[in-house]
C-alpha atoms as a PDB file:
ATOM      1  CA  MET A   1       0.000   0.000   0.000  1.00  0.00           C
ATOM      2  CA  GLU A   2       1.310   3.443  -0.928  1.00  0.00           C
ATOM      3  CA  THR A   3       1.852   5.866   1.943  1.00  0.00           C
ATOM      4  CA  SER A   4       2.472   9.599   2.148  1.00  0.00           C
ATOM      5  CA  LYS A   5       6.099  10.580   1.645  1.00  0.00           C
ATOM      6  CA  VAL A   6       8.246  13.050   3.537  1.00  0.00           C
ATOM      7  CA  VAL A   7       8.359  16.319   1.625  1.00  0.00           C
ATOM      8  CA  PRO A   8      11.903  17.570   0.866  1.00  0.00           C
ATOM      9  CA  SER A   9      12.753  20.917   2.457  1.00  0.00           C
ATOM     10  CA  LYS A  10      13.602  22.360  -0.971  1.00  0.00           C
ATOM     11  CA  TYR A  11       9.941  22.080  -1.925  1.00  0.00           C
ATOM     12  CA  GLN A  12       8.873  23.862   1.236  1.00  0.00           C
ATOM     13  CA  GLU A  13      11.277  26.642   0.288  1.00  0.00           C
ATOM     14  CA  LEU A  14       9.717  26.764  -3.184  1.00  0.00           C
ATOM     15  CA  PHE A  15       6.203  27.155  -1.803  1.00  0.00           C
ATOM     16  CA  ASN A  16       7.413  29.861   0.578  1.00  0.00           C
ATOM     17  CA  ASP A  17       8.925  31.672  -2.395  1.00  0.00           C
ATOM     18  CA  LEU A  18       5.720  31.350  -4.429  1.00  0.00           C
ATOM     19  CA  ALA A  19       3.741  32.774  -1.499  1.00  0.00           C
ATOM     20  CA  SER A  20       6.098  35.764  -1.398  1.00  0.00           C
ATOM     21  CA  ARG A  21       5.321  36.367  -5.092  1.00  0.00           C
ATOM     22  CA  GLY A  22       1.626  36.711  -4.350  1.00  0.00           C
ATOM     23  CA  TRP A  23       0.512  33.216  -5.329  1.00  0.00           C
ATOM     24  CA  THR A  24      -2.366  31.570  -3.487  1.00  0.00           C
ATOM     25  CA  VAL A  25      -0.579  29.039  -1.281  1.00  0.00           C
ATOM     26  CA  LYS A  26      -2.322  26.604   1.043  1.00  0.00           C
ATOM     27  CA  GLY A  27      -0.225  23.914   2.643  1.00  0.00           C
ATOM     28  CA  LEU A  28       1.823  22.338  -0.118  1.00  0.00           C
ATOM     29  CA  THR A  29      -0.303  23.598  -2.985  1.00  0.00           C
ATOM     30  CA  ALA A  30       0.123  26.819  -4.935  1.00  0.00           C
ATOM     31  CA  ARG A  31      -1.813  28.389  -7.765  1.00  0.00           C
ATOM     32  CA  THR A  32      -1.782  31.547  -9.832  1.00  0.00           C
ATOM     33  CA  THR A  33      -3.198  32.973 -13.048  1.00  0.00           C
ATOM     34  CA  ASP A  34      -0.285  35.415 -13.316  1.00  0.00           C
ATOM     35  CA  LEU A  35       2.284  33.188 -14.993  1.00  0.00           C
ATOM     36  CA  THR A  36       3.304  32.939 -18.633  1.00  0.00           C
ATOM     37  CA  LEU A  37       3.535  29.560 -20.329  1.00  0.00           C
ATOM     38  CA  ILE A  38       7.301  29.953 -20.723  1.00  0.00           C
ATOM     39  CA  ASP A  39       7.765  30.705 -17.022  1.00  0.00           C
ATOM     40  CA  TYR A  40       5.470  27.796 -16.166  1.00  0.00           C
ATOM     41  CA  HIS A  41       7.810  25.433 -17.992  1.00  0.00           C
ATOM     42  CA  LYS A  42      10.860  26.965 -16.303  1.00  0.00           C
ATOM     43  CA  LEU A  43       9.610  26.199 -12.798  1.00  0.00           C
ATOM     44  CA  PRO A  44      10.375  22.745 -11.359  1.00  0.00           C
ATOM     45  CA  GLY A  45       7.777  20.001 -11.217  1.00  0.00           C
ATOM     46  CA  TYR A  46       6.505  17.055 -13.218  1.00  0.00           C
ATOM     47  CA  SER A  47       4.015  18.139 -15.867  1.00  0.00           C
ATOM     48  CA  SER A  48       1.767  15.863 -17.906  1.00  0.00           C
ATOM     49  CA  SER A  49       3.947  16.258 -21.009  1.00  0.00           C
ATOM     50  CA  MET A  50       6.865  14.812 -19.064  1.00  0.00           C
ATOM     51  CA  ILE A  51       4.817  12.104 -17.391  1.00  0.00           C
ATOM     52  CA  ARG A  52       3.457  10.932 -20.751  1.00  0.00           C
ATOM     53  CA  GLU A  53       7.027  10.300 -21.886  1.00  0.00           C
ATOM     54  CA  ILE A  54       7.362   7.495 -19.331  1.00  0.00           C
ATOM     55  CA  ASP A  55       5.766   5.156 -21.882  1.00  0.00           C
ATOM     56  CA  ARG A  56       8.918   5.520 -23.968  1.00  0.00           C
ATOM     57  CA  SER A  57      11.286   5.144 -21.050  1.00  0.00           C
ATOM     58  CA  PRO A  58      12.154   6.762 -17.698  1.00  0.00           C
ATOM     59  CA  LEU A  59      15.151   8.357 -19.426  1.00  0.00           C
ATOM     60  CA  HIS A  60      12.845  10.111 -21.893  1.00  0.00           C
ATOM     61  CA  ALA A  61      10.682  11.331 -19.023  1.00  0.00           C
ATOM     62  CA  ARG A  62      13.666  12.732 -17.187  1.00  0.00           C
ATOM     63  CA  THR A  63      15.239  14.484 -20.179  1.00  0.00           C
ATOM     64  CA  SER A  64      11.933  16.071 -21.160  1.00  0.00           C
ATOM     65  CA  LYS A  65      11.753  17.819 -17.779  1.00  0.00           C
ATOM     66  CA  ASP A  66      11.474  21.599 -17.888  1.00  0.00           C
ATOM     67  CA  THR A  67      11.863  21.786 -21.653  1.00  0.00           C
ATOM     68  CA  PHE A  68       9.604  23.531 -24.108  1.00  0.00           C
ATOM     69  CA  VAL A  69      10.722  23.358 -27.719  1.00  0.00           C
ATOM     70  CA  PRO A  70       8.565  25.592 -29.905  1.00  0.00           C
ATOM     71  CA  SER A  71       7.542  24.483 -33.390  1.00  0.00           C
ATOM     72  CA  PRO A  72       5.277  26.116 -35.994  1.00  0.00           C
ATOM     73  CA  ALA A  73       2.392  24.025 -34.630  1.00  0.00           C
ATOM     74  CA  THR A  74       3.040  24.876 -30.972  1.00  0.00           C
ATOM     75  CA  ASP A  75       3.640  28.542 -31.868  1.00  0.00           C
ATOM     76  CA  LEU A  76       0.250  28.702 -33.587  1.00  0.00           C
ATOM     77  CA  GLY A  77      -1.446  26.894 -30.710  1.00  0.00           C
ATOM     78  CA  THR A  78       0.200  29.087 -28.080  1.00  0.00           C
ATOM     79  CA  ALA A  79      -0.700  32.262 -29.979  1.00  0.00           C
ATOM     80  CA  PHE A  80      -4.330  31.159 -30.380  1.00  0.00           C
ATOM     81  CA  HIS A  81      -4.548  30.310 -26.676  1.00  0.00           C
ATOM     82  CA  ALA A  82      -3.372  33.822 -25.851  1.00  0.00           C
ATOM     83  CA  ALA A  83      -5.694  35.446 -28.394  1.00  0.00           C
ATOM     84  CA  TRP A  84      -8.747  33.526 -27.164  1.00  0.00           C
ATOM     85  CA  LEU A  85      -8.092  33.381 -23.438  1.00  0.00           C
ATOM     86  CA  GLU A  86      -5.828  36.334 -22.662  1.00  0.00           C
ATOM     87  CA  GLN A  87      -6.255  39.099 -25.220  1.00  0.00           C
ATOM     88  CA  GLU A  88      -4.216  41.600 -23.205  1.00  0.00           C
ATOM     89  CA  LEU A  89      -1.349  39.106 -23.075  1.00  0.00           C
ATOM     90  CA  PHE A  90      -1.676  38.526 -26.830  1.00  0.00           C
ATOM     91  CA  GLN A  91      -1.381  42.240 -27.534  1.00  0.00           C
ATOM     92  CA  LYS A  92       1.538  42.503 -25.121  1.00  0.00           C
ATOM     93  CA  HIS A  93       3.576  39.683 -26.636  1.00  0.00           C
ATOM     94  CA  TYR A  94       2.609  39.452 -30.332  1.00  0.00           C
ATOM     95  CA  ILE A  95       2.632  41.659 -33.419  1.00  0.00           C
ATOM     96  CA  PRO A  96       0.544  40.316 -36.329  1.00  0.00           C
ATOM     97  CA  CYS A  97       2.311  40.846 -39.627  1.00  0.00           C
ATOM     98  CA  PRO A  98       0.276  42.996 -42.082  1.00  0.00           C
ATOM     99  CA  ALA A  99      -0.342  41.855 -45.666  1.00  0.00           C
ATOM    100  CA  GLU A 100       2.046  44.379 -47.212  1.00  0.00           C
ATOM    101  CA  TYR A 101       4.957  42.788 -45.356  1.00  0.00           C
ATOM    102  CA  SER A 102       3.980  39.158 -45.928  1.00  0.00           C
ATOM    103  CA  ASP A 103       7.276  38.171 -47.604  1.00  0.00           C
ATOM    104  CA  ARG A 104       9.896  38.022 -44.873  1.00  0.00           C
ATOM    105  CA  ARG A 105      12.668  37.690 -47.443  1.00  0.00           C
ATOM    106  CA  LYS A 106      12.125  41.190 -48.809  1.00  0.00           C
ATOM    107  CA  LYS A 107      13.832  44.366 -47.671  1.00  0.00           C
ATOM    108  CA  ASP A 108      10.592  46.179 -46.892  1.00  0.00           C
ATOM    109  CA  TYR A 109       9.650  43.476 -44.389  1.00  0.00           C
ATOM    110  CA  LYS A 110      13.073  43.637 -42.746  1.00  0.00           C
ATOM    111  CA  ASP A 111      12.897  47.419 -42.538  1.00  0.00           C
ATOM    112  CA  TRP A 112       9.416  47.210 -41.004  1.00  0.00           C
ATOM    113  CA  ALA A 113      10.481  44.506 -38.555  1.00  0.00           C
ATOM    114  CA  LYS A 114      13.353  46.661 -37.275  1.00  0.00           C
ATOM    115  CA  LEU A 115      10.851  49.318 -36.235  1.00  0.00           C
ATOM    116  CA  GLN A 116       8.802  46.914 -34.108  1.00  0.00           C
ATOM    117  CA  ASP A 117       9.117  46.341 -30.377  1.00  0.00           C
ATOM    118  CA  PRO A 118      11.999  43.835 -29.963  1.00  0.00           C
ATOM    119  CA  ALA A 119      10.328  42.429 -26.847  1.00  0.00           C
ATOM    120  CA  LYS A 120       7.390  41.207 -28.919  1.00  0.00           C
ATOM    121  CA  GLU A 121       7.169  38.265 -31.302  1.00  0.00           C
ATOM    122  CA  ILE A 122       6.198  39.018 -34.887  1.00  0.00           C
ATOM    123  CA  LEU A 123       3.665  36.501 -36.142  1.00  0.00           C
ATOM    124  CA  PRO A 124       4.169  35.535 -39.792  1.00  0.00           C
ATOM    125  CA  TYR A 125       1.447  36.792 -42.095  1.00  0.00           C
ATOM    126  CA  LYS A 126       0.006  33.294 -42.696  1.00  0.00           C
ATOM    127  CA  THR A 127      -0.116  32.656 -38.934  1.00  0.00           C
ATOM    128  CA  SER A 128      -1.770  36.034 -38.387  1.00  0.00           C
ATOM    129  CA  ILE A 129      -4.455  35.166 -40.943  1.00  0.00           C
ATOM    130  CA  ASP A 130      -5.035  31.764 -39.327  1.00  0.00           C
ATOM    131  CA  ILE A 131      -5.274  33.234 -35.824  1.00  0.00           C
ATOM    132  CA  HIS A 132      -7.848  35.768 -37.043  1.00  0.00           C
ATOM    133  CA  GLY A 133      -9.805  33.041 -38.849  1.00  0.00           C
ATOM    134  CA  MET A 134      -9.761  30.760 -35.821  1.00  0.00           C
ATOM    135  CA  MET A 135     -10.947  33.565 -33.567  1.00  0.00           C
ATOM    136  CA  GLU A 136     -13.854  34.430 -35.852  1.00  0.00           C
ATOM    137  CA  ALA A 137     -14.833  30.774 -36.203  1.00  0.00           C
ATOM    138  CA  ALA A 138     -14.663  30.157 -32.445  1.00  0.00           C
ATOM    139  CA  LYS A 139     -16.852  33.192 -31.813  1.00  0.00           C
ATOM    140  CA  GLN A 140     -19.611  31.441 -33.789  1.00  0.00           C
ATOM    141  CA  ASN A 141     -19.542  28.502 -31.367  1.00  0.00           C
ATOM    142  CA  LYS A 142     -21.971  29.552 -28.629  1.00  0.00           C
ATOM    143  CA  ALA A 143     -21.028  26.634 -26.367  1.00  0.00           C
ATOM    144  CA  ILE A 144     -17.328  27.534 -26.116  1.00  0.00           C
ATOM    145  CA  CYS A 145     -18.125  31.247 -25.835  1.00  0.00           C
ATOM    146  CA  ASP A 146     -20.477  30.684 -22.906  1.00  0.00           C
ATOM    147  CA  LEU A 147     -18.021  28.321 -21.228  1.00  0.00           C
ATOM    148  CA  THR A 148     -15.132  30.772 -21.625  1.00  0.00           C
ATOM    149  CA  LYS A 149     -17.107  33.613 -20.047  1.00  0.00           C
ATOM    150  CA  ARG A 150     -17.667  31.661 -16.822  1.00  0.00           C
ATOM    151  CA  SER A 151     -14.235  30.101 -16.488  1.00  0.00           C
ATOM    152  CA  ILE A 152     -10.931  30.898 -14.826  1.00  0.00           C
ATOM    153  CA  VAL A 153      -8.315  30.714 -17.579  1.00  0.00           C
ATOM    154  CA  GLU A 154      -4.693  29.563 -17.648  1.00  0.00           C
ATOM    155  CA  GLU A 155      -4.390  28.803 -13.931  1.00  0.00           C
ATOM    156  CA  SER A 156      -1.065  27.183 -13.050  1.00  0.00           C
ATOM    157  CA  ILE A 157      -1.239  24.750 -10.122  1.00  0.00           C
ATOM    158  CA  PHE A 158       1.713  23.238  -8.256  1.00  0.00           C
ATOM    159  CA  TRP A 159       1.384  20.586  -5.562  1.00  0.00           C
ATOM    160  CA  ILE A 160       3.129  17.751  -3.770  1.00  0.00           C
ATOM    161  CA  ASP A 161       1.700  14.367  -4.668  1.00  0.00           C
ATOM    162  CA  GLN A 162       1.027  12.793  -1.269  1.00  0.00           C
ATOM    163  CA  LYS A 163       1.557   9.196  -2.435  1.00  0.00           C
ATOM    164  CA  THR A 164       4.977   9.722  -4.014  1.00  0.00           C
ATOM    165  CA  GLY A 165       6.297  13.010  -2.610  1.00  0.00           C
ATOM    166  CA  LEU A 166       6.851  14.300  -6.159  1.00  0.00           C
ATOM    167  CA  LEU A 167       6.365  17.931  -7.085  1.00  0.00           C
ATOM    168  CA  CYS A 168       3.701  18.085  -9.799  1.00  0.00           C
ATOM    169  CA  LYS A 169       2.336  20.911 -11.892  1.00  0.00           C
ATOM    170  CA  SER A 170      -0.615  21.379 -14.207  1.00  0.00           C
ATOM    171  CA  ARG A 171      -2.097  24.213 -16.241  1.00  0.00           C
ATOM    172  CA  ALA A 172      -5.704  23.872 -17.363  1.00  0.00           C
ATOM    173  CA  ASP A 173      -6.830  26.207 -20.122  1.00  0.00           C
ATOM    174  CA  MET A 174     -10.204  26.813 -18.499  1.00  0.00           C
ATOM    175  CA  VAL A 175     -12.000  25.755 -15.320  1.00  0.00           C
ATOM    176  CA  SER A 176     -15.604  26.885 -14.936  1.00  0.00           C
ATOM    177  CA  GLU A 177     -16.891  28.347 -11.703  1.00  0.00           C
ATOM    178  CA  GLY A 178     -20.073  27.338  -9.893  1.00  0.00           C
ATOM    179  CA  LYS A 179     -21.770  23.960  -9.578  1.00  0.00           C
ATOM    180  CA  GLY A 180     -20.803  21.145 -11.899  1.00  0.00           C
ATOM    181  CA  GLU A 181     -17.341  22.443 -12.733  1.00  0.00           C
ATOM    182  CA  ILE A 182     -15.996  21.844 -16.232  1.00  0.00           C
ATOM    183  CA  VAL A 183     -12.269  21.520 -16.965  1.00  0.00           C
ATOM    184  CA  THR A 184     -11.648  22.446 -20.595  1.00  0.00           C
ATOM    185  CA  ASP A 185      -8.588  22.005 -22.779  1.00  0.00           C
ATOM    186  CA  ILE A 186      -8.170  23.832 -26.087  1.00  0.00           C
ATOM    187  CA  LYS A 187      -6.457  21.848 -28.828  1.00  0.00           C
ATOM    188  CA  THR A 188      -5.544  23.163 -32.256  1.00  0.00           C
ATOM    189  CA  THR A 189      -5.601  20.376 -34.812  1.00  0.00           C
ATOM    190  CA  ARG A 190      -5.468  19.695 -38.530  1.00  0.00           C
ATOM    191  CA  ASP A 191      -8.721  17.743 -38.418  1.00  0.00           C
ATOM    192  CA  ALA A 192     -11.378  18.132 -35.715  1.00  0.00           C
ATOM    193  CA  SER A 193     -13.718  15.457 -37.085  1.00  0.00           C
ATOM    194  CA  PHE A 194     -14.554  12.714 -34.595  1.00  0.00           C
ATOM    195  CA  TYR A 195     -12.452   9.778 -35.806  1.00  0.00           C
ATOM    196  CA  LYS A 196      -9.420  11.851 -36.805  1.00  0.00           C
ATOM    197  CA  PHE A 197      -9.385  13.871 -33.619  1.00  0.00           C
ATOM    198  CA  ARG A 198      -9.990  10.852 -31.413  1.00  0.00           C
ATOM    199  CA  LYS A 199      -6.939   9.203 -32.968  1.00  0.00           C
ATOM    200  CA  SER A 200      -4.728  12.210 -32.233  1.00  0.00           C
ATOM    201  CA  TYR A 201      -6.230  12.458 -28.730  1.00  0.00           C
ATOM    202  CA  GLU A 202      -5.235   8.859 -28.064  1.00  0.00           C
ATOM    203  CA  ASP A 203      -1.863   9.102 -29.833  1.00  0.00           C
ATOM    204  CA  MET A 204      -0.892  12.050 -27.629  1.00  0.00           C
ATOM    205  CA  LYS A 205      -2.415  10.445 -24.503  1.00  0.00           C
ATOM    206  CA  TYR A 206      -4.289  13.620 -23.741  1.00  0.00           C
ATOM    207  CA  TYR A 207      -6.507  11.651 -21.358  1.00  0.00           C
ATOM    208  CA  VAL A 208      -3.523  11.493 -18.992  1.00  0.00           C
ATOM    209  CA  GLN A 209      -3.256  15.267 -19.184  1.00  0.00           C
ATOM    210  CA  ALA A 210      -7.006  15.545 -18.527  1.00  0.00           C
ATOM    211  CA  ALA A 211      -6.746  13.299 -15.473  1.00  0.00           C
ATOM    212  CA  MET A 212      -3.851  15.339 -14.099  1.00  0.00           C
ATOM    213  CA  GLN A 213      -5.724  18.594 -14.651  1.00  0.00           C
ATOM    214  CA  ARG A 214      -8.754  17.265 -12.816  1.00  0.00           C
ATOM    215  CA  GLU A 215      -6.576  16.061  -9.938  1.00  0.00           C
ATOM    216  CA  ALA A 216      -4.898  19.480  -9.685  1.00  0.00           C
ATOM    217  CA  VAL A 217      -8.256  21.242  -9.595  1.00  0.00           C
ATOM    218  CA  ALA A 218      -9.590  18.830  -6.967  1.00  0.00           C
ATOM    219  CA  ILE A 219      -6.549  19.429  -4.771  1.00  0.00           C
ATOM    220  CA  THR A 220      -6.983  23.211  -4.832  1.00  0.00           C
ATOM    221  CA  ARG A 221     -10.792  23.447  -4.925  1.00  0.00           C
ATOM    222  CA  GLY A 222     -11.807  20.358  -3.006  1.00  0.00           C
ATOM    223  CA  PRO A 223     -14.135  17.514  -3.996  1.00  0.00           C
ATOM    224  CA  ALA A 224     -16.908  18.356  -6.450  1.00  0.00           C
ATOM    225  CA  LYS A 225     -18.672  16.948  -9.474  1.00  0.00           C
ATOM    226  CA  ARG A 226     -16.443  17.691 -12.447  1.00  0.00           C
ATOM    227  CA  THR A 227     -16.398  16.875 -16.139  1.00  0.00           C
ATOM    228  CA  ASN A 228     -13.738  17.416 -18.783  1.00  0.00           C
ATOM    229  CA  TYR A 229     -14.200  18.892 -22.241  1.00  0.00           C
ATOM    230  CA  VAL A 230     -11.888  19.416 -25.197  1.00  0.00           C
ATOM    231  CA  PHE A 231     -12.410  22.279 -27.604  1.00  0.00           C
ATOM    232  CA  ALA A 232     -10.920  21.110 -30.898  1.00  0.00           C
ATOM    233  CA  ILE A 233     -10.353  23.799 -33.530  1.00  0.00           C
ATOM    234  CA  GLU A 234      -8.739  23.372 -36.928  1.00  0.00           C
ATOM    235  CA  SER A 235      -5.710  25.507 -37.724  1.00  0.00           C
ATOM    236  CA  SER A 236      -6.607  26.152 -41.366  1.00  0.00           C
ATOM    237  CA  ALA A 237      -9.686  27.366 -43.218  1.00  0.00           C
ATOM    238  CA  PRO A 238     -12.573  26.901 -42.696  1.00  0.00           C
ATOM    239  CA  TYR A 239     -11.356  26.543 -39.071  1.00  0.00           C
ATOM    240  CA  GLY A 240     -13.940  23.924 -38.131  1.00  0.00           C
ATOM    241  CA  ASN A 241     -14.371  23.459 -34.404  1.00  0.00           C
ATOM    242  CA  THR A 242     -16.439  21.605 -31.831  1.00  0.00           C
ATOM    243  CA  LEU A 243     -16.599  20.993 -28.098  1.00  0.00           C
ATOM    244  CA  TYR A 244     -16.092  17.340 -27.135  1.00  0.00           C
ATOM    245  CA  PRO A 245     -17.142  16.003 -23.713  1.00  0.00           C
ATOM    246  CA  VAL A 246     -14.473  13.574 -22.452  1.00  0.00           C
ATOM    247  CA  ASP A 247     -15.944  10.188 -21.514  1.00  0.00           C
ATOM    248  CA  GLU A 248     -15.321   8.987 -17.968  1.00  0.00           C
ATOM    249  CA  GLU A 249     -13.657   5.842 -19.332  1.00  0.00           C
ATOM    250  CA  TYR A 250     -10.901   8.090 -20.667  1.00  0.00           C
ATOM    251  CA  MET A 251     -10.624   9.760 -17.263  1.00  0.00           C
ATOM    252  CA  GLN A 252     -10.344   6.437 -15.436  1.00  0.00           C
ATOM    253  CA  LEU A 253      -7.706   5.217 -17.886  1.00  0.00           C
ATOM    254  CA  GLY A 254      -5.819   8.493 -17.578  1.00  0.00           C
ATOM    255  CA  HIS A 255      -5.873   8.309 -13.795  1.00  0.00           C
ATOM    256  CA  ARG A 256      -4.520   4.731 -13.758  1.00  0.00           C
ATOM    257  CA  LEU A 257      -1.680   5.637 -16.116  1.00  0.00           C
ATOM    258  CA  LEU A 258      -0.942   8.816 -14.167  1.00  0.00           C
ATOM    259  CA  ARG A 259      -0.619   6.925 -10.875  1.00  0.00           C
ATOM    260  CA  ALA A 260       1.553   4.230 -12.458  1.00  0.00           C
ATOM    261  CA  ALA A 261       3.811   6.838 -14.094  1.00  0.00           C
ATOM    262  CA  LEU A 262       4.288   8.835 -10.880  1.00  0.00           C
ATOM    263  CA  SER A 263       5.127   5.665  -8.948  1.00  0.00           C
ATOM    264  CA  ARG A 264       7.741   4.669 -11.501  1.00  0.00           C
ATOM    265  CA  ILE A 265       9.273   8.144 -11.593  1.00  0.00           C
ATOM    266  CA  ALA A 266       9.470   8.137  -7.780  1.00  0.00           C
ATOM    267  CA  GLU A 267      11.305   4.804  -7.875  1.00  0.00           C
ATOM    268  CA  CYS A 268      13.805   6.173 -10.399  1.00  0.00           C
ATOM    269  CA  GLU A 269      14.339   9.316  -8.337  1.00  0.00           C
ATOM    270  CA  ALA A 270      14.951   7.278  -5.192  1.00  0.00           C
ATOM    271  CA  ILE A 271      17.862   5.345  -6.734  1.00  0.00           C
ATOM    272  CA  ASN A 272      18.799   7.981  -9.338  1.00  0.00           C
ATOM    273  CA  ILE A 273      18.729   5.437 -12.143  1.00  0.00           C
ATOM    274  CA  TRP A 274      16.734   6.324 -15.269  1.00  0.00           C
ATOM    275  CA  PRO A 275      16.804   3.413 -17.738  1.00  0.00           C
ATOM    276  CA  GLY A 276      16.279   3.982 -21.428  1.00  0.00           C
ATOM    277  CA  TYR A 277      15.524   1.429 -24.114  1.00  0.00           C
ATOM    278  CA  ASP A 278      16.864  -2.105 -23.756  1.00  0.00           C
ATOM    279  CA  GLU A 279      20.112  -2.697 -25.638  1.00  0.00           C
ATOM    280  CA  ILE A 280      18.349  -5.359 -27.638  1.00  0.00           C
ATOM    281  CA  THR A 281      14.637  -6.105 -27.546  1.00  0.00           C
ATOM    282  CA  GLU A 282      13.172  -9.573 -27.272  1.00  0.00           C
ATOM    283  CA  HIS A 283      10.763  -8.892 -30.147  1.00  0.00           C
ATOM    284  CA  GLY A 284      12.081  -8.271 -33.629  1.00  0.00           C
ATOM    285  CA  LEU A 285      10.446  -5.920 -36.109  1.00  0.00           C
ATOM    286  CA  TYR A 286       7.603  -7.468 -38.047  1.00  0.00           C
ATOM    287  CA  PRO A 287       5.067  -6.053 -40.495  1.00  0.00           C
ATOM    288  CA  SER A 288       1.790  -4.617 -39.300  1.00  0.00           C
ATOM    289  CA  SER A 289      -1.339  -6.567 -40.145  1.00  0.00           C
ATOM    290  CA  TRP A 290      -2.540  -3.885 -42.589  1.00  0.00           C
ATOM    291  CA  LEU A 291       0.600  -4.407 -44.701  1.00  0.00           C
ATOM    292  CA  LYS A 292      -0.029  -8.126 -45.219  1.00  0.00           C
END
């Protein structure tokens, strides 16, 4: 049977520091809505993206810690999150590129770019068009609009997992207030249709992320009836989108995998050994059934 672990003093120091920054700290939990995504990744703690890497190997989980490698897809997703959830933050950090400077290879673009605020990120023209299109399309979805209006957005939560003593962190896009709380994740995708999106949802093990988000909310808000939703929105025209309720079977599966992953990470931390792939696997490569 798992028992509560002794909390390292370094974590107590961290929570004391977060309290001094104005975070809401209660015991060994801390939360704030005043934290950028980049700073969230810089702070210590096991996030769902790291925990999901345990399926590859403990070594992959360890080396993914505290890293955030932007890509065109993540840049678009991050920018849309800011535009939809935190418009002031979007205006503070981004500069949409106007049509007349769409070709970044030309001198007029370079001259224009030099005049912009160096502290802000210039969004490529195509990205700017897509962000605008996604915003307009999302505004036509009454369900996500209503849910956004009654939700706390981008709340970062840090806590000590009582069964393993690990420092964990989670950042739900939206958590509704009032009875019957809804935890909502926003996912940009190439295809939001049911079968395509379900495949990507399972490939990325987003149900583990959903389970961790729900656990984080329960720790800070207490027990309550909660459901999870995913707002899937396509990143290219016509920017189709829909709000998917997450079935409780996904949540139960995510919770089981989350607990197993945290237990394994705790074991690796205790002995400071993080195995990777086996030198040679017992199963050779063989063709998939659909190839035969």
